[in-house]
């Protein structure tokens, strides 16, 4: 009987729990590779592109930013951020 009461209380508490809300944004941006000559310049260009996305595109302050994909097409580097 004690186990049944505890199980009922646990089910009731789970039923009352509300899921956490989250905002997710997937953004694609690109960087020109024309003036990039070394890894330091590439890192600066990518960081600048990510900073621009955070400042101008996303309307909230994200907790985590993840680079999910990077591809070169022609003379541009395309970045997918999540």
PDB file of N, CA and C in Angstrom:
ATOM      1  N   UNK A   1       0.828  -1.193   0.000  1.00  0.00           N
ATOM      2  CA  UNK A   1       0.000   0.000   0.000  1.00  0.00           C
ATOM      3  C   UNK A   1       0.873   1.257   0.000  1.00  0.00           C
ATOM      4  N   UNK A   2       1.962   1.188   0.767  1.00  0.00           N
ATOM      5  CA  UNK A   2       2.876   2.320   0.851  1.00  0.00           C
ATOM      6  C   UNK A   2       3.487   2.606  -0.528  1.00  0.00           C
ATOM      7  N   UNK A   3       3.854   1.549  -1.248  1.00  0.00           N
ATOM      8  CA  UNK A   3       4.443   1.700  -2.581  1.00  0.00           C
ATOM      9  C   UNK A   3       3.441   2.310  -3.549  1.00  0.00           C
ATOM     10  N   UNK A   4       2.214   1.896  -3.470  1.00  0.00           N
ATOM     11  CA  UNK A   4       1.169   2.428  -4.341  1.00  0.00           C
ATOM     12  C   UNK A   4       0.935   3.916  -4.069  1.00  0.00           C
ATOM     13  N   UNK A   5       0.974   4.313  -2.823  1.00  0.00           N
ATOM     14  CA  UNK A   5       0.801   5.725  -2.460  1.00  0.00           C
ATOM     15  C   UNK A   5       1.957   6.561  -2.991  1.00  0.00           C
ATOM     16  N   UNK A   6       3.173   6.061  -2.830  1.00  0.00           N
ATOM     17  CA  UNK A   6       4.353   6.792  -3.321  1.00  0.00           C
ATOM     18  C   UNK A   6       4.316   6.889  -4.843  1.00  0.00           C
ATOM     19  N   UNK A   7       3.954   5.798  -5.504  1.00  0.00           N
ATOM     20  CA  UNK A   7       3.857   5.814  -6.963  1.00  0.00           C
ATOM     21  C   UNK A   7       2.796   6.813  -7.419  1.00  0.00           C
ATOM     22  N   UNK A   8       1.686   6.877  -6.732  1.00  0.00           N
ATOM     23  CA  UNK A   8       0.644   7.846  -7.062  1.00  0.00           C
ATOM     24  C   UNK A   8       1.119   9.273  -6.878  1.00  0.00           C
ATOM     25  N   UNK A   9       1.869   9.522  -5.808  1.00  0.00           N
ATOM     26  CA  UNK A   9       2.400  10.870  -5.571  1.00  0.00           C
ATOM     27  C   UNK A   9       3.409  11.256  -6.645  1.00  0.00           C
ATOM     28  N   UNK A  10       4.254  10.323  -7.036  1.00  0.00           N
ATOM     29  CA  UNK A  10       5.238  10.591  -8.087  1.00  0.00           C
ATOM     30  C   UNK A  10       4.531  10.891  -9.403  1.00  0.00           C
ATOM     31  N   UNK A  11       3.546  10.105  -9.758  1.00  0.00           N
ATOM     32  CA  UNK A  11       2.791  10.360 -10.989  1.00  0.00           C
ATOM     33  C   UNK A  11       2.094  11.712 -10.954  1.00  0.00           C
ATOM     34  N   UNK A  12       1.565  12.079  -9.812  1.00  0.00           N
ATOM     35  CA  UNK A  12       0.913  13.375  -9.674  1.00  0.00           C
ATOM     36  C   UNK A  12       1.919  14.508  -9.859  1.00  0.00           C
ATOM     37  N   UNK A  13       3.098  14.383  -9.273  1.00  0.00           N
ATOM     38  CA  UNK A  13       4.126  15.416  -9.418  1.00  0.00           C
ATOM     39  C   UNK A  13       4.631  15.512 -10.853  1.00  0.00           C
ATOM     40  N   UNK A  14       4.766  14.387 -11.522  1.00  0.00           N
ATOM     41  CA  UNK A  14       5.175  14.398 -12.927  1.00  0.00           C
ATOM     42  C   UNK A  14       4.100  15.062 -13.776  1.00  0.00           C
ATOM     43  N   UNK A  15       2.848  14.813 -13.455  1.00  0.00           N
ATOM     44  CA  UNK A  15       1.751  15.416 -14.194  1.00  0.00           C
ATOM     45  C   UNK A  15       1.744  16.938 -14.019  1.00  0.00           C
ATOM     46  N   UNK A  16       2.121  17.425 -12.848  1.00  0.00           N
ATOM     47  CA  UNK A  16       2.149  18.863 -12.586  1.00  0.00           C
ATOM     48  C   UNK A  16       3.346  19.567 -13.212  1.00  0.00           C
ATOM     49  N   UNK A  17       4.407  18.840 -13.465  1.00  0.00           N
ATOM     50  CA  UNK A  17       5.635  19.453 -13.978  1.00  0.00           C
ATOM     51  C   UNK A  17       5.396  20.049 -15.360  1.00  0.00           C
ATOM     52  N   UNK A  18       5.958  21.218 -15.585  1.00  0.00           N
ATOM     53  CA  UNK A  18       5.862  21.859 -16.889  1.00  0.00           C
ATOM     54  C   UNK A  18       7.226  21.791 -17.571  1.00  0.00           C
ATOM     55  N   UNK A  19       7.245  21.556 -18.856  1.00  0.00           N
ATOM     56  CA  UNK A  19       8.528  21.496 -19.556  1.00  0.00           C
ATOM     57  C   UNK A  19       9.161  22.885 -19.646  1.00  0.00           C
ATOM     58  N   UNK A  20      10.461  22.907 -19.688  1.00  0.00           N
ATOM     59  CA  UNK A  20      11.181  24.173 -19.810  1.00  0.00           C
ATOM     60  C   UNK A  20      11.033  24.699 -21.229  1.00  0.00           C
ATOM     61  N   UNK A  21      10.911  26.000 -21.351  1.00  0.00           N
ATOM     62  CA  UNK A  21      10.816  26.590 -22.680  1.00  0.00           C
ATOM     63  C   UNK A  21      12.221  26.866 -23.211  1.00  0.00           C
ATOM     64  N   UNK A  22      12.361  26.762 -24.514  1.00  0.00           N
ATOM     65  CA  UNK A  22      13.662  26.997 -25.138  1.00  0.00           C
ATOM     66  C   UNK A  22      13.441  27.642 -26.498  1.00  0.00           C
ATOM     67  N   UNK A  23      14.362  28.482 -26.869  1.00  0.00           N
ATOM     68  CA  UNK A  23      14.359  29.090 -28.186  1.00  0.00           C
ATOM     69  C   UNK A  23      15.548  28.529 -28.951  1.00  0.00           C
ATOM     70  N   UNK A  24      15.295  28.089 -30.171  1.00  0.00           N
ATOM     71  CA  UNK A  24      16.352  27.533 -31.009  1.00  0.00           C
ATOM     72  C   UNK A  24      16.343  28.286 -32.326  1.00  0.00           C
ATOM     73  N   UNK A  25      17.520  28.689 -32.772  1.00  0.00           N
ATOM     74  CA  UNK A  25      17.638  29.377 -34.052  1.00  0.00           C
ATOM     75  C   UNK A  25      18.767  28.737 -34.845  1.00  0.00           C
ATOM     76  N   UNK A  26      18.484  28.435 -36.102  1.00  0.00           N
ATOM     77  CA  UNK A  26      19.518  27.940 -37.004  1.00  0.00           C
ATOM     78  C   UNK A  26      19.760  29.025 -38.039  1.00  0.00           C
ATOM     79  N   UNK A  27      21.011  29.447 -38.164  1.00  0.00           N
ATOM     80  CA  UNK A  27      21.359  30.572 -39.022  1.00  0.00           C
ATOM     81  C   UNK A  27      22.489  30.147 -39.949  1.00  0.00           C
ATOM     82  N   UNK A  28      22.384  30.536 -41.213  1.00  0.00           N
ATOM     83  CA  UNK A  28      23.469  30.315 -42.164  1.00  0.00           C
ATOM     84  C   UNK A  28      24.028  31.673 -42.550  1.00  0.00           C
ATOM     85  N   UNK A  29      25.338  31.785 -42.506  1.00  0.00           N
ATOM     86  CA  UNK A  29      26.018  33.016 -42.888  1.00  0.00           C
ATOM     87  C   UNK A  29      27.227  32.647 -43.730  1.00  0.00           C
ATOM     88  N   UNK A  30      27.842  33.632 -44.347  1.00  0.00           N
ATOM     89  CA  UNK A  30      29.000  33.327 -45.183  1.00  0.00           C
ATOM     90  C   UNK A  30      30.094  34.361 -44.984  1.00  0.00           C
ATOM     91  N   UNK A  31      31.301  33.926 -45.317  1.00  0.00           N
ATOM     92  CA  UNK A  31      32.492  34.763 -45.196  1.00  0.00           C
ATOM     93  C   UNK A  31      33.234  34.683 -46.522  1.00  0.00           C
ATOM     94  N   UNK A  32      33.672  35.818 -47.026  1.00  0.00           N
ATOM     95  CA  UNK A  32      34.471  35.827 -48.243  1.00  0.00           C
ATOM     96  C   UNK A  32      35.885  35.356 -47.920  1.00  0.00           C
ATOM     97  N   UNK A  33      36.414  34.492 -48.760  1.00  0.00           N
ATOM     98  CA  UNK A  33      37.770  33.985 -48.555  1.00  0.00           C
ATOM     99  C   UNK A  33      38.793  34.720 -49.413  1.00  0.00           C
ATOM    100  N   UNK A  34      38.372  35.789 -50.076  1.00  0.00           N
ATOM    101  CA  UNK A  34      39.269  36.501 -50.987  1.00  0.00           C
ATOM    102  C   UNK A  34      40.482  37.091 -50.269  1.00  0.00           C
ATOM    103  N   UNK A  35      40.298  37.712 -49.113  1.00  0.00           N
ATOM    104  CA  UNK A  35      41.411  38.357 -48.427  1.00  0.00           C
ATOM    105  C   UNK A  35      42.053  37.513 -47.343  1.00  0.00           C
ATOM    106  N   UNK A  36      41.637  36.259 -47.217  1.00  0.00           N
ATOM    107  CA  UNK A  36      42.148  35.395 -46.149  1.00  0.00           C
ATOM    108  C   UNK A  36      43.394  34.674 -46.647  1.00  0.00           C
ATOM    109  N   UNK A  37      44.509  34.889 -45.929  1.00  0.00           N
ATOM    110  CA  UNK A  37      45.775  34.285 -46.346  1.00  0.00           C
ATOM    111  C   UNK A  37      46.314  33.268 -45.357  1.00  0.00           C
ATOM    112  N   UNK A  38      45.890  33.325 -44.089  1.00  0.00           N
ATOM    113  CA  UNK A  38      46.391  32.367 -43.100  1.00  0.00           C
ATOM    114  C   UNK A  38      45.291  32.032 -42.094  1.00  0.00           C
ATOM    115  N   UNK A  39      45.611  31.130 -41.176  1.00  0.00           N
ATOM    116  CA  UNK A  39      44.619  30.647 -40.203  1.00  0.00           C
ATOM    117  C   UNK A  39      44.147  31.749 -39.266  1.00  0.00           C
ATOM    118  N   UNK A  40      45.027  32.678 -38.929  1.00  0.00           N
ATOM    119  CA  UNK A  40      44.650  33.769 -38.025  1.00  0.00           C
ATOM    120  C   UNK A  40      43.596  34.667 -38.664  1.00  0.00           C
ATOM    121  N   UNK A  41      43.782  35.004 -39.919  1.00  0.00           N
ATOM    122  CA  UNK A  41      42.799  35.835 -40.619  1.00  0.00           C
ATOM    123  C   UNK A  41      41.474  35.089 -40.784  1.00  0.00           C
ATOM    124  N   UNK A  42      41.544  33.787 -41.042  1.00  0.00           N
ATOM    125  CA  UNK A  42      40.322  32.990 -41.160  1.00  0.00           C
ATOM    126  C   UNK A  42      39.571  32.956 -39.838  1.00  0.00           C
ATOM    127  N   UNK A  43      40.300  32.767 -38.743  1.00  0.00           N
ATOM    128  CA  UNK A  43      39.668  32.747 -37.423  1.00  0.00           C
ATOM    129  C   UNK A  43      38.999  34.086 -37.131  1.00  0.00           C
ATOM    130  N   UNK A  44      39.679  35.187 -37.454  1.00  0.00           N
ATOM    131  CA  UNK A  44      39.098  36.518 -37.242  1.00  0.00           C
ATOM    132  C   UNK A  44      37.842  36.720 -38.087  1.00  0.00           C
ATOM    133  N   UNK A  45      37.881  36.263 -39.332  1.00  0.00           N
ATOM    134  CA  UNK A  45      36.727  36.425 -40.223  1.00  0.00           C
ATOM    135  C   UNK A  45      35.528  35.615 -39.725  1.00  0.00           C
ATOM    136  N   UNK A  46      35.780  34.383 -39.283  1.00  0.00           N
ATOM    137  CA  UNK A  46      34.692  33.543 -38.766  1.00  0.00           C
ATOM    138  C   UNK A  46      34.135  34.140 -37.482  1.00  0.00           C
ATOM    139  N   UNK A  47      35.011  34.597 -36.585  1.00  0.00           N
ATOM    140  CA  UNK A  47      34.553  35.200 -35.327  1.00  0.00           C
ATOM    141  C   UNK A  47      33.731  36.456 -35.595  1.00  0.00           C
ATOM    142  N   UNK A  48      34.157  37.242 -36.565  1.00  0.00           N
ATOM    143  CA  UNK A  48      33.408  38.448 -36.924  1.00  0.00           C
ATOM    144  C   UNK A  48      32.022  38.093 -37.472  1.00  0.00           C
ATOM    145  N   UNK A  49      31.941  37.049 -38.291  1.00  0.00           N
ATOM    146  CA  UNK A  49      30.648  36.623 -38.835  1.00  0.00           C
ATOM    147  C   UNK A  49      29.729  36.130 -37.728  1.00  0.00           C
ATOM    148  N   UNK A  50      30.263  35.364 -36.783  1.00  0.00           N
ATOM    149  CA  UNK A  50      29.457  34.870 -35.665  1.00  0.00           C
ATOM    150  C   UNK A  50      28.998  36.034 -34.792  1.00  0.00           C
ATOM    151  N   UNK A  51      29.891  36.983 -34.527  1.00  0.00           N
ATOM    152  CA  UNK A  51      29.514  38.157 -33.731  1.00  0.00           C
ATOM    153  C   UNK A  51      28.409  38.960 -34.408  1.00  0.00           C
ATOM    154  N   UNK A  52      28.491  39.105 -35.739  1.00  0.00           N
ATOM    155  CA  UNK A  52      27.442  39.820 -36.472  1.00  0.00           C
ATOM    156  C   UNK A  52      26.097  39.108 -36.352  1.00  0.00           C
ATOM    157  N   UNK A  53      26.106  37.778 -36.425  1.00  0.00           N
ATOM    158  CA  UNK A  53      24.861  37.013 -36.274  1.00  0.00           C
ATOM    159  C   UNK A  53      24.285  37.236 -34.884  1.00  0.00           C
ATOM    160  N   UNK A  54      25.133  37.162 -33.866  1.00  0.00           N
ATOM    161  CA  UNK A  54      24.649  37.334 -32.493  1.00  0.00           C
ATOM    162  C   UNK A  54      24.114  38.739 -32.254  1.00  0.00           C
ATOM    163  N   UNK A  55      24.716  39.727 -32.895  1.00  0.00           N
ATOM    164  CA  UNK A  55      24.318  41.119 -32.671  1.00  0.00           C
ATOM    165  C   UNK A  55      23.105  41.522 -33.513  1.00  0.00           C
ATOM    166  N   UNK A  56      23.061  41.093 -34.778  1.00  0.00           N
ATOM    167  CA  UNK A  56      22.062  41.616 -35.710  1.00  0.00           C
ATOM    168  C   UNK A  56      20.921  40.661 -36.048  1.00  0.00           C
ATOM    169  N   UNK A  57      21.124  39.368 -35.923  1.00  0.00           N
ATOM    170  CA  UNK A  57      20.130  38.412 -36.414  1.00  0.00           C
ATOM    171  C   UNK A  57      19.279  37.840 -35.294  1.00  0.00           C
ATOM    172  N   UNK A  58      19.907  37.397 -34.225  1.00  0.00           N
ATOM    173  CA  UNK A  58      19.194  36.725 -33.143  1.00  0.00           C
ATOM    174  C   UNK A  58      18.706  37.764 -32.141  1.00  0.00           C
ATOM    175  N   UNK A  59      17.425  37.688 -31.783  1.00  0.00           N
ATOM    176  CA  UNK A  59      16.813  38.696 -30.914  1.00  0.00           C
ATOM    177  C   UNK A  59      16.935  38.375 -29.433  1.00  0.00           C
ATOM    178  N   UNK A  60      17.631  37.310 -29.084  1.00  0.00           N
ATOM    179  CA  UNK A  60      17.815  36.947 -27.679  1.00  0.00           C
ATOM    180  C   UNK A  60      19.277  36.593 -27.457  1.00  0.00           C
ATOM    181  N   UNK A  61      19.693  36.565 -26.208  1.00  0.00           N
ATOM    182  CA  UNK A  61      21.080  36.224 -25.875  1.00  0.00           C
ATOM    183  C   UNK A  61      21.193  34.707 -25.720  1.00  0.00           C
ATOM    184  N   UNK A  62      21.826  34.030 -26.675  1.00  0.00           N
ATOM    185  CA  UNK A  62      21.905  32.574 -26.591  1.00  0.00           C
ATOM    186  C   UNK A  62      22.883  32.115 -25.516  1.00  0.00           C
ATOM    187  N   UNK A  63      22.599  30.960 -24.948  1.00  0.00           N
ATOM    188  CA  UNK A  63      23.487  30.361 -23.961  1.00  0.00           C
ATOM    189  C   UNK A  63      24.630  29.637 -24.648  1.00  0.00           C
ATOM    190  N   UNK A  64      24.321  28.953 -25.734  1.00  0.00           N
ATOM    191  CA  UNK A  64      25.310  28.163 -26.467  1.00  0.00           C
ATOM    192  C   UNK A  64      25.171  28.463 -27.951  1.00  0.00           C
ATOM    193  N   UNK A  65      26.302  28.604 -28.632  1.00  0.00           N
ATOM    194  CA  UNK A  65      26.327  28.730 -30.084  1.00  0.00           C
ATOM    195  C   UNK A  65      27.226  27.614 -30.602  1.00  0.00           C
ATOM    196  N   UNK A  66      26.700  26.832 -31.549  1.00  0.00           N
ATOM    197  CA  UNK A  66      27.446  25.696 -32.076  1.00  0.00           C
ATOM    198  C   UNK A  66      27.586  25.851 -33.585  1.00  0.00           C
ATOM    199  N   UNK A  67      28.797  25.687 -34.083  1.00  0.00           N
ATOM    200  CA  UNK A  67      29.043  25.651 -35.518  1.00  0.00           C
ATOM    201  C   UNK A  67      28.758  24.225 -35.978  1.00  0.00           C
ATOM    202  N   UNK A  68      27.662  24.026 -36.721  1.00  0.00           N
ATOM    203  CA  UNK A  68      27.258  22.670 -37.095  1.00  0.00           C
ATOM    204  C   UNK A  68      27.776  22.252 -38.461  1.00  0.00           C
ATOM    205  N   UNK A  69      28.118  23.210 -39.324  1.00  0.00           N
ATOM    206  CA  UNK A  69      28.595  22.852 -40.653  1.00  0.00           C
ATOM    207  C   UNK A  69      29.375  24.020 -41.233  1.00  0.00           C
ATOM    208  N   UNK A  70      30.386  23.712 -42.015  1.00  0.00           N
ATOM    209  CA  UNK A  70      31.162  24.729 -42.728  1.00  0.00           C
ATOM    210  C   UNK A  70      31.549  24.149 -44.077  1.00  0.00           C
ATOM    211  N   UNK A  71      31.228  24.884 -45.136  1.00  0.00           N
ATOM    212  CA  UNK A  71      31.537  24.425 -46.496  1.00  0.00           C
ATOM    213  C   UNK A  71      32.045  25.592 -47.322  1.00  0.00           C
ATOM    214  N   UNK A  72      32.944  25.288 -48.240  1.00  0.00           N
ATOM    215  CA  UNK A  72      33.410  26.310 -49.168  1.00  0.00           C
ATOM    216  C   UNK A  72      32.755  26.077 -50.520  1.00  0.00           C
ATOM    217  N   UNK A  73      32.220  27.145 -51.058  1.00  0.00           N
ATOM    218  CA  UNK A  73      31.625  27.129 -52.391  1.00  0.00           C
ATOM    219  C   UNK A  73      32.173  28.345 -53.108  1.00  0.00           C
ATOM    220  N   UNK A  74      32.904  28.096 -54.174  1.00  0.00           N
ATOM    221  CA  UNK A  74      33.537  29.205 -54.873  1.00  0.00           C
ATOM    222  C   UNK A  74      34.548  29.872 -53.960  1.00  0.00           C
ATOM    223  N   UNK A  75      34.432  31.152 -53.798  1.00  0.00           N
ATOM    224  CA  UNK A  75      35.343  31.896 -52.935  1.00  0.00           C
ATOM    225  C   UNK A  75      34.736  32.274 -51.596  1.00  0.00           C
ATOM    226  N   UNK A  76      33.709  31.535 -51.163  1.00  0.00           N
ATOM    227  CA  UNK A  76      33.042  31.854 -49.899  1.00  0.00           C
ATOM    228  C   UNK A  76      33.022  30.639 -48.986  1.00  0.00           C
ATOM    229  N   UNK A  77      33.066  30.913 -47.697  1.00  0.00           N
ATOM    230  CA  UNK A  77      32.931  29.893 -46.661  1.00  0.00           C
ATOM    231  C   UNK A  77      31.554  30.068 -46.039  1.00  0.00           C
ATOM    232  N   UNK A  78      30.703  29.051 -46.164  1.00  0.00           N
ATOM    233  CA  UNK A  78      29.354  29.098 -45.607  1.00  0.00           C
ATOM    234  C   UNK A  78      29.349  28.401 -44.257  1.00  0.00           C
ATOM    235  N   UNK A  79      28.787  29.066 -43.250  1.00  0.00           N
ATOM    236  CA  UNK A  79      28.763  28.569 -41.879  1.00  0.00           C
ATOM    237  C   UNK A  79      27.318  28.366 -41.445  1.00  0.00           C
ATOM    238  N   UNK A  80      27.037  27.220 -40.833  1.00  0.00           N
ATOM    239  CA  UNK A  80      25.713  26.977 -40.262  1.00  0.00           C
ATOM    240  C   UNK A  80      25.861  26.959 -38.749  1.00  0.00           C
ATOM    241  N   UNK A  81      25.120  27.842 -38.096  1.00  0.00           N
ATOM    242  CA  UNK A  81      25.173  27.981 -36.641  1.00  0.00           C
ATOM    243  C   UNK A  81      23.853  27.533 -36.038  1.00  0.00           C
ATOM    244  N   UNK A  82      23.942  26.903 -34.893  1.00  0.00           N
ATOM    245  CA  UNK A  82      22.748  26.474 -34.176  1.00  0.00           C
ATOM    246  C   UNK A  82      22.795  27.058 -32.793  1.00  0.00           C
TER     247      UNK A  82
END
